[in-house]
């Protein structure tokens, strides 16, 4: 079944990730991996509630330590541990992906604009958490970094799909850019984050 969105924008020229099925797979993959990481952090946080001296599974050294990050003020900006918020939000992402795979093809423009707003907010939080981990907390949480790694393509491809399908008005040049360069943009962002982490904590990786 072809959605009305795809019909109105010549699905033959849409990249696979911009079509309903492909985008559904992107949402499920990124959402599920992020949900698993957030769920693991929830379990670790519960253990810390039970025992303040608990050593988390990713307390590897002074620089790579979920316990250090969890005990920081930044780990509960909503008034409760951030992972609890994450498992709810990523479950929603997975649900939308499943809806697309199941053939939900009448989702309105306002729905995708709201989704874009939510994913953009998530990307903003990731940028903030990244800066806090590197320059304020001075410690890394591997599970958090998994979430960072998944939110990047989630943001890039959500934005790209909304541009190339006309949800976000854009000219032909911008649509062509997102169609051809979304993977490259994602890879560049991954490399920049990885490089910043290694440069900030060289002893964590090289001794």
Protein backbone atom coordinates (compact mmCIF):
# COMPACT_ATOMS: atom_id res chain seq x y z
CA UNK A 1 0.00 0.00 0.00
CA UNK A 2 1.38 3.42 -0.96
CA UNK A 3 0.64 6.34 1.33
CA UNK A 4 -0.95 9.58 0.17
CA UNK A 5 2.29 11.30 1.18
CA UNK A 6 4.32 9.13 -1.16
CA UNK A 7 1.79 9.41 -3.99
CA UNK A 8 1.96 13.19 -3.94
CA UNK A 9 5.74 13.25 -4.13
CA UNK A 10 6.59 10.67 -6.77
CA UNK A 11 7.73 7.74 -4.61
CA UNK A 12 9.89 6.45 -7.43
CA UNK A 13 12.49 9.14 -6.70
CA UNK A 14 12.31 8.89 -2.92
CA UNK A 15 15.22 7.11 -1.22
CA UNK A 16 14.23 3.94 0.61
CA UNK A 17 14.47 5.57 4.04
CA UNK A 18 11.97 8.28 3.06
CA UNK A 19 9.23 5.79 2.16
CA UNK A 20 6.86 4.56 4.83
CA UNK A 21 8.37 1.10 5.20
CA UNK A 22 11.97 2.29 5.13
CA UNK A 23 11.37 5.10 7.58
CA UNK A 24 9.47 2.71 9.82
CA UNK A 25 12.53 0.47 9.91
CA UNK A 26 14.76 3.44 10.75
CA UNK A 27 12.48 4.38 13.65
CA UNK A 28 12.29 0.83 14.97
CA UNK A 29 16.05 0.24 14.77
CA UNK A 30 17.15 3.52 16.36
CA UNK A 31 14.28 3.53 18.85
CA UNK A 32 14.80 -0.06 19.98
CA UNK A 33 18.55 0.26 20.50
CA UNK A 34 18.02 3.50 22.42
CA UNK A 35 15.24 1.90 24.46
CA UNK A 36 17.51 -0.99 25.42
CA UNK A 37 20.25 1.42 26.52
CA UNK A 38 17.79 3.53 28.52
CA UNK A 39 16.27 0.40 30.04
CA UNK A 40 19.68 -0.81 31.16
CA UNK A 41 20.32 2.55 32.80
CA UNK A 42 16.96 2.30 34.59
CA UNK A 43 17.99 -1.06 36.05
CA UNK A 44 21.36 0.33 37.09
CA UNK A 45 19.70 3.37 38.66
CA UNK A 46 17.37 1.11 40.67
CA UNK A 47 20.38 -0.79 41.99
CA UNK A 48 21.95 2.50 43.07
CA UNK A 49 18.73 3.37 44.91
CA UNK A 50 18.96 0.05 46.74
CA UNK A 51 22.67 0.36 47.48
CA UNK A 52 24.49 3.72 47.22
CA UNK A 53 27.78 1.81 47.06
CA UNK A 54 26.69 -0.27 44.08
CA UNK A 55 29.24 -0.42 41.25
CA UNK A 56 27.50 -0.16 37.88
CA UNK A 57 28.30 -2.53 35.04
CA UNK A 58 30.09 0.22 33.11
CA UNK A 59 32.25 1.65 35.87
CA UNK A 60 35.43 0.87 33.97
CA UNK A 61 37.77 3.64 35.08
CA UNK A 62 37.55 7.22 36.42
CA UNK A 63 36.57 8.54 32.99
CA UNK A 64 34.15 5.83 31.86
CA UNK A 65 31.70 5.46 34.71
CA UNK A 66 27.91 5.32 34.57
CA UNK A 67 27.84 5.63 38.36
CA UNK A 68 29.60 9.00 38.26
CA UNK A 69 27.20 10.29 35.61
CA UNK A 70 24.11 8.94 37.41
CA UNK A 71 25.07 10.74 40.62
CA UNK A 72 25.39 14.10 38.84
CA UNK A 73 22.72 16.82 38.88
CA UNK A 74 22.45 16.57 35.09
CA UNK A 75 21.21 12.97 35.39
CA UNK A 76 17.83 14.12 36.68
CA UNK A 77 16.91 17.33 34.89
CA UNK A 78 13.21 16.38 34.82
CA UNK A 79 13.02 15.82 38.55
CA UNK A 80 13.60 12.09 38.14
CA UNK A 81 16.33 10.02 36.45
CA UNK A 82 16.57 10.82 32.76
CA UNK A 83 16.44 7.15 31.61
CA UNK A 84 12.86 6.83 32.90
CA UNK A 85 11.89 9.59 30.48
CA UNK A 86 13.94 7.95 27.75
CA UNK A 87 12.22 4.56 27.88
CA UNK A 88 8.84 6.26 27.40
CA UNK A 89 9.97 8.49 24.53
CA UNK A 90 11.80 5.73 22.66
CA UNK A 91 8.82 3.42 23.10
CA UNK A 92 6.78 6.06 21.27
CA UNK A 93 9.35 6.14 18.45
CA UNK A 94 9.17 2.34 18.14
CA UNK A 95 5.36 2.48 18.12
CA UNK A 96 5.31 5.01 15.27
CA UNK A 97 7.73 2.83 13.33
CA UNK A 98 5.47 -0.19 13.83
CA UNK A 99 2.48 1.88 12.69
CA UNK A 100 4.24 2.71 9.44
CA UNK A 101 5.17 -0.93 8.84
CA UNK A 102 1.55 -1.90 9.54
CA UNK A 103 0.35 0.46 6.81
CA UNK A 104 -0.71 3.57 8.70
CA UNK A 105 -0.71 5.87 5.67
CA UNK A 106 -3.02 8.72 6.67
CA UNK A 107 -0.88 10.47 9.23
CA UNK A 108 -1.37 14.19 8.72
CA UNK A 109 1.24 16.88 8.19
CA UNK A 110 0.73 18.27 11.70
CA UNK A 111 1.61 14.86 13.13
CA UNK A 112 4.98 14.81 11.38
CA UNK A 113 5.68 18.40 12.33
CA UNK A 114 5.03 17.52 15.99
CA UNK A 115 7.27 14.46 15.61
CA UNK A 116 9.96 16.67 14.09
CA UNK A 117 9.67 19.02 17.04
CA UNK A 118 10.06 16.16 19.49
CA UNK A 119 13.06 14.66 17.69
CA UNK A 120 14.69 18.08 17.40
CA UNK A 121 14.25 18.54 21.16
CA UNK A 122 15.85 15.12 21.67
CA UNK A 123 18.82 16.15 19.53
CA UNK A 124 19.13 19.36 21.54
CA UNK A 125 19.20 17.36 24.77
CA UNK A 126 21.85 15.05 23.34
CA UNK A 127 24.05 18.03 22.48
CA UNK A 128 23.57 19.40 25.99
CA UNK A 129 24.28 16.02 27.65
CA UNK A 130 27.37 15.63 25.46
CA UNK A 131 28.72 19.03 26.56
CA UNK A 132 27.95 18.32 30.22
CA UNK A 133 29.58 14.89 30.16
CA UNK A 134 32.75 16.18 28.52
CA UNK A 135 33.20 19.51 30.28
CA UNK A 136 31.21 19.50 33.54
CA UNK A 137 30.80 15.92 34.80
CA UNK A 138 34.12 14.85 33.27
CA UNK A 139 32.98 11.27 32.87
CA UNK A 140 31.35 9.16 30.19
CA UNK A 141 28.40 6.79 30.35
CA UNK A 142 28.67 4.14 27.57
CA UNK A 143 24.92 3.50 27.57
CA UNK A 144 24.30 7.23 27.24
CA UNK A 145 26.68 7.32 24.29
CA UNK A 146 24.66 4.55 22.62
CA UNK A 147 21.63 6.82 22.89
CA UNK A 148 23.63 9.72 21.44
CA UNK A 149 24.69 7.52 18.52
CA UNK A 150 21.07 6.54 17.77
CA UNK A 151 19.50 9.97 18.17
CA UNK A 152 21.86 11.41 15.56
CA UNK A 153 20.52 9.33 12.61
CA UNK A 154 17.01 9.57 14.06
CA UNK A 155 17.23 13.36 13.86
CA UNK A 156 19.00 13.49 10.49
CA UNK A 157 16.65 11.09 8.71
CA UNK A 158 13.49 12.48 10.29
CA UNK A 159 14.48 15.94 9.11
CA UNK A 160 15.56 14.62 5.71
CA UNK A 161 12.30 12.72 5.17
CA UNK A 162 10.21 15.71 6.17
CA UNK A 163 12.16 17.87 3.71
CA UNK A 164 12.14 15.51 0.73
CA UNK A 165 8.44 14.68 1.15
CA UNK A 166 7.39 18.32 1.48
CA UNK A 167 6.35 18.24 5.14
CA UNK A 168 8.97 20.95 5.67
CA UNK A 169 8.84 23.35 2.71
CA UNK A 170 12.16 23.46 0.87
CA UNK A 171 13.59 24.13 -2.56
CA UNK A 172 14.81 21.51 -4.99
CA UNK A 173 18.44 22.05 -4.01
CA UNK A 174 17.83 21.35 -0.32
CA UNK A 175 15.75 18.29 -1.16
CA UNK A 176 18.55 17.00 -3.39
CA UNK A 177 21.07 17.61 -0.60
CA UNK A 178 19.11 15.60 1.95
CA UNK A 179 18.38 12.85 -0.55
CA UNK A 180 22.04 12.35 -1.41
CA UNK A 181 23.92 13.42 1.71
CA UNK A 182 21.94 12.27 4.75
CA UNK A 183 24.18 9.24 5.30
CA UNK A 184 27.28 11.41 4.97
CA UNK A 185 25.91 13.98 7.42
CA UNK A 186 25.17 11.19 9.89
CA UNK A 187 28.66 9.72 9.51
CA UNK A 188 30.30 13.13 9.96
CA UNK A 189 28.34 13.79 13.15
CA UNK A 190 29.29 10.36 14.49
CA UNK A 191 32.96 11.03 13.73
CA UNK A 192 32.86 14.48 15.34
CA UNK A 193 31.31 13.12 18.53
CA UNK A 194 33.78 10.21 18.65
CA UNK A 195 36.74 12.50 18.03
CA UNK A 196 35.62 14.95 20.73
CA UNK A 197 35.29 12.12 23.25
CA UNK A 198 38.71 10.64 22.45
CA UNK A 199 40.42 14.03 22.50
CA UNK A 200 38.75 14.99 25.77
CA UNK A 201 39.54 11.68 27.52
CA UNK A 202 42.66 10.25 25.84
CA UNK A 203 43.69 8.41 29.02
CA UNK A 204 40.43 6.49 29.03
CA UNK A 205 41.29 4.94 25.69
CA UNK A 206 45.09 4.95 25.48
CA UNK A 207 46.12 4.65 29.13
